Amino acid sequence: MFLEVMGHGGNGLRIPVGGGPTTIGRATVLNDPSVSRVHAAIEVHGGRLVVRDLNSSNGTYVNGRRITGPVPVGEGDIVAFGHVETQLVMAAAPGYRPVYDVRDQHAGGSIHNVAGNQYNNYEVQRESFLAEIAARKSWGRWLVWLGIVANVVGFGMFAYGVLGFIQAIPDVTIDTPQSEVPSPFGPDAGGVPLGIIGFAIAGVGGFLLIIGIVFHVSAAARRRKMEQTLRPRRY
């Protein structure tokens, strides 16, 4: 079973569906500005093919009606992703060429459903990469938040110590014993001035913030590389 692209430069492009969960979008096979990167999903439920929109910008339509939840579809139905219309067909017509790069494949017998199997393999690899990228971004967000909190707490402690010293200056005279002269970094906490402890905590927070940002940038770069590496090729 296939979704056949109608117009928009589709040139007979057919997308295999029904063999498992299929994600439709610019990140897979539909290179059109009206299509979101991850636009819709097509799955099998109860023996029927079901289309589900994935919060796309321009919506998913079945026979001209925008869908808001899972909608079953059958042969001949028109499914539109943004401005790209496709029609559900049951089998490949004569002269159909798969849109996936098969490269060199050799077998003593027949090779069945090469395009479909390759597409499913692409989806498995893509989902694995996306899970890894999501985990990396999650770690990045946690590190950024920890860094921000540590910066706020550290600088707060440092400021408290410095302000305490400034407030104590008027009480210091030339006759004040050295032991009673307040530290410019505030009172001691465990033998270490509070301001110095705060400065150290803020330094650790800055380091965590930088690492978190690096995680985010790295995840975005890996996603771009994944899309370039795993994107199916058209003939």
C-alpha atoms as a PDB file:
ATOM      1  CA  MET A   1       0.000   0.000   0.000  1.00  0.00           C
ATOM      2  CA  PHE A   2       1.320   3.431  -0.936  1.00  0.00           C
ATOM      3  CA  LEU A   3       0.641   7.148  -0.664  1.00  0.00           C
ATOM      4  CA  GLU A   4       1.073   8.573  -4.169  1.00  0.00           C
ATOM      5  CA  VAL A   5       2.033  12.247  -4.285  1.00  0.00           C
ATOM      6  CA  MET A   6      -0.195  14.284  -6.607  1.00  0.00           C
ATOM      7  CA  GLY A   7       1.539  17.297  -8.171  1.00  0.00           C
ATOM      8  CA  HIS A   8       3.998  19.553  -6.300  1.00  0.00           C
ATOM      9  CA  GLY A   9       6.859  17.970  -8.199  1.00  0.00           C
ATOM     10  CA  GLY A  10       6.027  14.530  -6.882  1.00  0.00           C
ATOM     11  CA  ASN A  11       6.649  12.878 -10.273  1.00  0.00           C
ATOM     12  CA  GLY A  12       4.963   9.654  -9.229  1.00  0.00           C
ATOM     13  CA  LEU A  13       6.628   9.568  -5.806  1.00  0.00           C
ATOM     14  CA  ARG A  14       5.093   6.801  -3.722  1.00  0.00           C
ATOM     15  CA  ILE A  15       5.560   6.354   0.009  1.00  0.00           C
ATOM     16  CA  PRO A  16       5.149   2.793   1.368  1.00  0.00           C
ATOM     17  CA  VAL A  17       2.698   2.609   4.292  1.00  0.00           C
ATOM     18  CA  GLY A  18       1.059  -0.149   6.283  1.00  0.00           C
ATOM     19  CA  GLY A  19       4.222  -2.083   7.104  1.00  0.00           C
ATOM     20  CA  GLY A  20       4.596  -0.333  10.449  1.00  0.00           C
ATOM     21  CA  PRO A  21       4.424   3.162  11.942  1.00  0.00           C
ATOM     22  CA  THR A  22       5.376   5.699   9.248  1.00  0.00           C
ATOM     23  CA  THR A  23       6.310   9.326   9.908  1.00  0.00           C
ATOM     24  CA  ILE A  24       5.544  11.842   7.159  1.00  0.00           C
ATOM     25  CA  GLY A  25       7.302  15.203   6.952  1.00  0.00           C
ATOM     26  CA  ARG A  26      10.132  17.252   5.515  1.00  0.00           C
ATOM     27  CA  ALA A  27      12.553  15.240   7.646  1.00  0.00           C
ATOM     28  CA  THR A  28      11.528  12.088   5.744  1.00  0.00           C
ATOM     29  CA  VAL A  29      10.312  12.308   2.135  1.00  0.00           C
ATOM     30  CA  LEU A  30       8.142  15.392   1.467  1.00  0.00           C
ATOM     31  CA  ASN A  31      10.368  18.329   0.604  1.00  0.00           C
ATOM     32  CA  ASP A  32       7.772  21.098   0.588  1.00  0.00           C
ATOM     33  CA  PRO A  33       7.729  24.326   2.672  1.00  0.00           C
ATOM     34  CA  SER A  34       4.095  23.760   3.697  1.00  0.00           C
ATOM     35  CA  VAL A  35       5.026  20.422   5.299  1.00  0.00           C
ATOM     36  CA  SER A  36       6.356  20.384   8.869  1.00  0.00           C
ATOM     37  CA  ARG A  37       9.560  18.518   9.624  1.00  0.00           C
ATOM     38  CA  VAL A  38       7.543  15.895  11.512  1.00  0.00           C
ATOM     39  CA  HIS A  39       4.058  16.414  10.098  1.00  0.00           C
ATOM     40  CA  ALA A  40       1.902  13.309  10.553  1.00  0.00           C
ATOM     41  CA  ALA A  41       2.006   9.604  11.388  1.00  0.00           C
ATOM     42  CA  ILE A  42       0.382   6.671   9.626  1.00  0.00           C
ATOM     43  CA  GLU A  43      -0.189   3.533  11.671  1.00  0.00           C
ATOM     44  CA  VAL A  44      -2.246   0.351  11.627  1.00  0.00           C
ATOM     45  CA  HIS A  45      -4.901   0.027  14.334  1.00  0.00           C
ATOM     46  CA  GLY A  46      -7.423  -2.800  14.425  1.00  0.00           C
ATOM     47  CA  GLY A  47      -6.477  -3.902  10.942  1.00  0.00           C
ATOM     48  CA  ARG A  48      -7.136  -0.430   9.491  1.00  0.00           C
ATOM     49  CA  LEU A  49      -4.775   2.264   8.329  1.00  0.00           C
ATOM     50  CA  VAL A  50      -5.023   5.392  10.519  1.00  0.00           C
ATOM     51  CA  VAL A  51      -3.669   8.898   9.871  1.00  0.00           C
ATOM     52  CA  ARG A  52      -2.757  11.130  12.822  1.00  0.00           C
ATOM     53  CA  ASP A  53      -1.574  14.748  12.683  1.00  0.00           C
ATOM     54  CA  LEU A  54       1.523  15.534  14.801  1.00  0.00           C
ATOM     55  CA  ASN A  55       0.711  19.170  15.649  1.00  0.00           C
ATOM     56  CA  SER A  56       1.805  20.334  12.203  1.00  0.00           C
ATOM     57  CA  SER A  57       1.724  24.015  11.247  1.00  0.00           C
ATOM     58  CA  ASN A  58      -0.491  23.664   8.168  1.00  0.00           C
ATOM     59  CA  GLY A  59      -2.559  20.653   9.210  1.00  0.00           C
ATOM     60  CA  THR A  60      -3.378  17.237   7.790  1.00  0.00           C
ATOM     61  CA  TYR A  61      -6.509  16.702   5.669  1.00  0.00           C
ATOM     62  CA  VAL A  62      -8.441  13.577   4.690  1.00  0.00           C
ATOM     63  CA  ASN A  63     -10.697  14.062   1.667  1.00  0.00           C
ATOM     64  CA  GLY A  64     -10.613  17.837   2.166  1.00  0.00           C
ATOM     65  CA  ARG A  65     -11.381  17.902   5.892  1.00  0.00           C
ATOM     66  CA  ARG A  66      -8.748  18.864   8.440  1.00  0.00           C
ATOM     67  CA  ILE A  67      -8.291  16.146  11.057  1.00  0.00           C
ATOM     68  CA  THR A  68      -7.868  16.740  14.777  1.00  0.00           C
ATOM     69  CA  GLY A  69      -7.434  13.128  15.866  1.00  0.00           C
ATOM     70  CA  PRO A  70      -6.724   9.658  14.432  1.00  0.00           C
ATOM     71  CA  VAL A  71      -8.760   9.094  11.238  1.00  0.00           C
ATOM     72  CA  PRO A  72      -9.020   5.755   9.379  1.00  0.00           C
ATOM     73  CA  VAL A  73      -8.332   5.847   5.639  1.00  0.00           C
ATOM     74  CA  GLY A  74      -8.801   3.414   2.771  1.00  0.00           C
ATOM     75  CA  GLU A  75      -7.940   2.982  -0.896  1.00  0.00           C
ATOM     76  CA  GLY A  76      -8.646   6.063  -2.985  1.00  0.00           C
ATOM     77  CA  ASP A  77      -8.765   8.500  -0.057  1.00  0.00           C
ATOM     78  CA  ILE A  78      -7.019  11.826  -0.575  1.00  0.00           C
ATOM     79  CA  VAL A  79      -4.637  12.657   2.290  1.00  0.00           C
ATOM     80  CA  ALA A  80      -3.060  16.130   2.243  1.00  0.00           C
ATOM     81  CA  PHE A  81      -0.071  17.190   4.315  1.00  0.00           C
ATOM     82  CA  GLY A  82      -0.095  20.981   4.230  1.00  0.00           C
ATOM     83  CA  HIS A  83      -0.393  21.785   0.506  1.00  0.00           C
ATOM     84  CA  VAL A  84       0.870  18.396  -0.655  1.00  0.00           C
ATOM     85  CA  GLU A  85      -1.916  16.019  -1.679  1.00  0.00           C
ATOM     86  CA  THR A  86      -1.464  12.267  -1.816  1.00  0.00           C
ATOM     87  CA  GLN A  87      -3.791   9.418  -2.715  1.00  0.00           C
ATOM     88  CA  LEU A  88      -3.856   6.042  -1.029  1.00  0.00           C
ATOM     89  CA  VAL A  89      -3.343   3.230  -3.541  1.00  0.00           C
ATOM     90  CA  MET A  90      -3.149  -0.488  -2.936  1.00  0.00           C
ATOM     91  CA  ALA A  91      -0.305  -1.639  -5.190  1.00  0.00           C
ATOM     92  CA  ALA A  92       2.490  -0.372  -7.386  1.00  0.00           C
ATOM     93  CA  ALA A  93       1.611   0.354 -11.016  1.00  0.00           C
ATOM     94  CA  PRO A  94       3.814  -0.796 -13.955  1.00  0.00           C
ATOM     95  CA  GLY A  95       6.885   1.365 -14.283  1.00  0.00           C
ATOM     96  CA  TYR A  96       6.879   2.373 -10.614  1.00  0.00           C
ATOM     97  CA  ARG A  97      10.359   3.065  -9.270  1.00  0.00           C
ATOM     98  CA  PRO A  98      10.978   3.094  -5.478  1.00  0.00           C
ATOM     99  CA  VAL A  99      12.092   6.445  -4.124  1.00  0.00           C
ATOM    100  CA  TYR A 100      14.727   4.942  -1.820  1.00  0.00           C
ATOM    101  CA  ASP A 101      18.373   4.452  -2.616  1.00  0.00           C
ATOM    102  CA  VAL A 102      18.770   0.647  -2.858  1.00  0.00           C
ATOM    103  CA  ARG A 103      22.367   0.812  -4.144  1.00  0.00           C
ATOM    104  CA  ASP A 104      23.946  -2.575  -4.978  1.00  0.00           C
ATOM    105  CA  GLN A 105      21.961  -5.552  -3.740  1.00  0.00           C
ATOM    106  CA  HIS A 106      22.504  -9.113  -4.905  1.00  0.00           C
ATOM    107  CA  ALA A 107      20.500 -12.243  -4.199  1.00  0.00           C
ATOM    108  CA  GLY A 108      20.143 -15.654  -5.691  1.00  0.00           C
ATOM    109  CA  GLY A 109      16.366 -15.405  -5.638  1.00  0.00           C
ATOM    110  CA  SER A 110      13.837 -12.586  -5.574  1.00  0.00           C
ATOM    111  CA  ILE A 111      14.132  -9.518  -3.368  1.00  0.00           C
ATOM    112  CA  HIS A 112      10.730  -8.627  -1.957  1.00  0.00           C
ATOM    113  CA  ASN A 113       9.612  -5.220  -0.664  1.00  0.00           C
ATOM    114  CA  VAL A 114      13.106  -3.716  -0.811  1.00  0.00           C
ATOM    115  CA  ALA A 115      11.837  -0.117  -0.672  1.00  0.00           C
ATOM    116  CA  GLY A 116       9.477  -0.827   2.199  1.00  0.00           C
ATOM    117  CA  ASN A 117      12.102  -2.682   4.230  1.00  0.00           C
ATOM    118  CA  GLN A 118      14.652   0.033   3.600  1.00  0.00           C
ATOM    119  CA  TYR A 119      12.184   2.706   4.663  1.00  0.00           C
ATOM    120  CA  ASN A 120      11.386   0.779   7.869  1.00  0.00           C
ATOM    121  CA  ASN A 121      15.111   0.438   8.557  1.00  0.00           C
ATOM    122  CA  TYR A 122      15.482   4.175   8.019  1.00  0.00           C
ATOM    123  CA  GLU A 123      12.674   4.814  10.528  1.00  0.00           C
ATOM    124  CA  VAL A 124      14.296   2.519  13.139  1.00  0.00           C
ATOM    125  CA  GLN A 125      17.650   4.290  12.773  1.00  0.00           C
ATOM    126  CA  ARG A 126      15.994   7.698  12.840  1.00  0.00           C
ATOM    127  CA  GLU A 127      14.001   6.944  16.000  1.00  0.00           C
ATOM    128  CA  SER A 128      17.159   5.632  17.692  1.00  0.00           C
ATOM    129  CA  PHE A 129      19.079   8.800  16.812  1.00  0.00           C
ATOM    130  CA  LEU A 130      16.167  11.010  17.915  1.00  0.00           C
ATOM    131  CA  ALA A 131      16.009   9.215  21.283  1.00  0.00           C
ATOM    132  CA  GLU A 132      19.754   9.751  21.777  1.00  0.00           C
ATOM    133  CA  ILE A 133      19.478  13.419  20.755  1.00  0.00           C
ATOM    134  CA  ALA A 134      16.482  13.952  23.068  1.00  0.00           C
ATOM    135  CA  ALA A 135      18.453  12.472  25.983  1.00  0.00           C
ATOM    136  CA  ARG A 136      21.411  14.747  25.222  1.00  0.00           C
ATOM    137  CA  LYS A 137      19.135  17.821  25.063  1.00  0.00           C
ATOM    138  CA  SER A 138      17.475  16.788  28.330  1.00  0.00           C
ATOM    139  CA  TRP A 139      20.878  16.594  30.046  1.00  0.00           C
ATOM    140  CA  GLY A 140      21.729  19.956  28.525  1.00  0.00           C
ATOM    141  CA  ARG A 141      18.576  21.565  29.926  1.00  0.00           C
ATOM    142  CA  TRP A 142      19.252  20.174  33.420  1.00  0.00           C
ATOM    143  CA  LEU A 143      22.845  21.404  33.363  1.00  0.00           C
ATOM    144  CA  VAL A 144      21.755  24.859  32.187  1.00  0.00           C
ATOM    145  CA  TRP A 145      19.186  25.135  34.988  1.00  0.00           C
ATOM    146  CA  LEU A 146      21.648  23.875  37.606  1.00  0.00           C
ATOM    147  CA  GLY A 147      24.186  26.381  36.332  1.00  0.00           C
ATOM    148  CA  ILE A 148      21.704  29.245  36.569  1.00  0.00           C
ATOM    149  CA  VAL A 149      20.664  28.271  40.116  1.00  0.00           C
ATOM    150  CA  ALA A 150      24.292  27.903  41.230  1.00  0.00           C
ATOM    151  CA  ASN A 151      25.133  31.307  39.715  1.00  0.00           C
ATOM    152  CA  VAL A 152      22.242  32.998  41.496  1.00  0.00           C
ATOM    153  CA  VAL A 153      23.018  31.359  44.859  1.00  0.00           C
ATOM    154  CA  GLY A 154      26.771  31.923  44.555  1.00  0.00           C
ATOM    155  CA  PHE A 155      26.578  35.569  43.584  1.00  0.00           C
ATOM    156  CA  GLY A 156      23.942  36.100  46.274  1.00  0.00           C
ATOM    157  CA  MET A 157      26.322  34.749  48.921  1.00  0.00           C
ATOM    158  CA  PHE A 158      29.203  36.798  47.508  1.00  0.00           C
ATOM    159  CA  ALA A 159      27.096  39.987  47.489  1.00  0.00           C
ATOM    160  CA  TYR A 160      25.890  39.307  51.034  1.00  0.00           C
ATOM    161  CA  GLY A 161      29.471  39.062  52.271  1.00  0.00           C
ATOM    162  CA  VAL A 162      30.632  42.207  50.462  1.00  0.00           C
ATOM    163  CA  LEU A 163      27.604  44.249  51.579  1.00  0.00           C
ATOM    164  CA  GLY A 164      28.157  43.116  55.173  1.00  0.00           C
ATOM    165  CA  PHE A 165      31.723  44.375  54.981  1.00  0.00           C
ATOM    166  CA  ILE A 166      30.624  47.729  53.511  1.00  0.00           C
ATOM    167  CA  GLN A 167      28.064  48.185  56.281  1.00  0.00           C
ATOM    168  CA  ALA A 168      30.653  47.383  58.948  1.00  0.00           C
ATOM    169  CA  ILE A 169      33.274  49.871  57.689  1.00  0.00           C
ATOM    170  CA  PRO A 170      31.843  52.913  59.567  1.00  0.00           C
ATOM    171  CA  ASP A 171      32.295  51.063  62.863  1.00  0.00           C
ATOM    172  CA  VAL A 172      35.991  50.415  62.240  1.00  0.00           C
ATOM    173  CA  THR A 173      38.413  52.928  63.765  1.00  0.00           C
ATOM    174  CA  ILE A 174      42.136  53.140  64.060  1.00  0.00           C
ATOM    175  CA  ASP A 175      41.850  51.651  67.535  1.00  0.00           C
ATOM    176  CA  THR A 176      39.842  48.616  66.399  1.00  0.00           C
ATOM    177  CA  PRO A 177      41.830  45.400  67.066  1.00  0.00           C
ATOM    178  CA  GLN A 178      42.932  43.505  63.963  1.00  0.00           C
ATOM    179  CA  SER A 179      40.929  40.477  65.036  1.00  0.00           C
ATOM    180  CA  GLU A 180      37.737  42.534  65.032  1.00  0.00           C
ATOM    181  CA  VAL A 181      38.216  44.078  61.584  1.00  0.00           C
ATOM    182  CA  PRO A 182      35.583  42.461  59.332  1.00  0.00           C
ATOM    183  CA  SER A 183      36.663  40.455  56.317  1.00  0.00           C
ATOM    184  CA  PRO A 184      35.898  42.070  52.926  1.00  0.00           C
ATOM    185  CA  PHE A 185      34.268  38.752  51.959  1.00  0.00           C
ATOM    186  CA  GLY A 186      31.868  38.589  54.884  1.00  0.00           C
ATOM    187  CA  PRO A 187      31.664  36.290  57.905  1.00  0.00           C
ATOM    188  CA  ASP A 188      33.330  32.899  57.989  1.00  0.00           C
ATOM    189  CA  ALA A 189      31.456  29.682  57.340  1.00  0.00           C
ATOM    190  CA  GLY A 190      33.502  26.700  58.460  1.00  0.00           C
ATOM    191  CA  GLY A 191      36.654  28.810  58.487  1.00  0.00           C
ATOM    192  CA  VAL A 192      36.155  30.137  54.949  1.00  0.00           C
ATOM    193  CA  PRO A 193      34.679  33.590  54.208  1.00  0.00           C
ATOM    194  CA  LEU A 194      31.098  33.350  52.926  1.00  0.00           C
ATOM    195  CA  GLY A 195      31.863  35.560  49.928  1.00  0.00           C
ATOM    196  CA  ILE A 196      34.645  33.231  48.744  1.00  0.00           C
ATOM    197  CA  ILE A 197      32.332  30.202  49.060  1.00  0.00           C
ATOM    198  CA  GLY A 198      29.705  32.047  47.045  1.00  0.00           C
ATOM    199  CA  PHE A 199      32.241  32.993  44.386  1.00  0.00           C
ATOM    200  CA  ALA A 200      33.308  29.336  44.081  1.00  0.00           C
ATOM    201  CA  ILE A 201      29.682  28.165  43.765  1.00  0.00           C
ATOM    202  CA  ALA A 202      29.071  30.781  41.067  1.00  0.00           C
ATOM    203  CA  GLY A 203      32.176  29.540  39.231  1.00  0.00           C
ATOM    204  CA  VAL A 204      30.868  25.965  39.269  1.00  0.00           C
ATOM    205  CA  GLY A 205      27.500  27.272  38.040  1.00  0.00           C
ATOM    206  CA  GLY A 206      29.171  29.044  35.130  1.00  0.00           C
ATOM    207  CA  PHE A 207      30.977  25.830  34.193  1.00  0.00           C
ATOM    208  CA  LEU A 208      27.714  23.823  34.300  1.00  0.00           C
ATOM    209  CA  LEU A 209      25.995  26.487  32.193  1.00  0.00           C
ATOM    210  CA  ILE A 210      28.676  26.264  29.517  1.00  0.00           C
ATOM    211  CA  ILE A 211      28.524  22.442  29.461  1.00  0.00           C
ATOM    212  CA  GLY A 212      24.719  22.542  29.155  1.00  0.00           C
ATOM    213  CA  ILE A 213      24.901  24.941  26.207  1.00  0.00           C
ATOM    214  CA  VAL A 214      27.509  22.707  24.546  1.00  0.00           C
ATOM    215  CA  PHE A 215      25.147  19.725  24.964  1.00  0.00           C
ATOM    216  CA  HIS A 216      22.333  21.672  23.258  1.00  0.00           C
ATOM    217  CA  VAL A 217      24.527  22.807  20.362  1.00  0.00           C
ATOM    218  CA  SER A 218      25.933  19.286  19.960  1.00  0.00           C
ATOM    219  CA  ALA A 219      22.425  17.769  19.891  1.00  0.00           C
ATOM    220  CA  ALA A 220      21.304  20.223  17.187  1.00  0.00           C
ATOM    221  CA  ALA A 221      24.409  19.449  15.107  1.00  0.00           C
ATOM    222  CA  ARG A 222      23.876  15.694  15.458  1.00  0.00           C
ATOM    223  CA  ARG A 223      20.257  16.059  14.345  1.00  0.00           C
ATOM    224  CA  ARG A 224      21.270  17.964  11.213  1.00  0.00           C
ATOM    225  CA  LYS A 225      23.910  15.349  10.447  1.00  0.00           C
ATOM    226  CA  MET A 226      21.390  12.543  11.041  1.00  0.00           C
ATOM    227  CA  GLU A 227      18.899  14.081   8.611  1.00  0.00           C
ATOM    228  CA  GLN A 228      21.574  14.502   5.944  1.00  0.00           C
ATOM    229  CA  THR A 229      22.926  10.969   6.430  1.00  0.00           C
ATOM    230  CA  LEU A 230      19.676   9.014   6.734  1.00  0.00           C
ATOM    231  CA  ARG A 231      17.424  11.015   4.402  1.00  0.00           C
ATOM    232  CA  PRO A 232      15.979   8.680   1.716  1.00  0.00           C
ATOM    233  CA  ARG A 233      17.111   9.467  -1.820  1.00  0.00           C
ATOM    234  CA  ARG A 234      14.823  10.047  -4.795  1.00  0.00           C
ATOM    235  CA  TYR A 235      15.489   8.868  -8.319  1.00  0.00           C
END
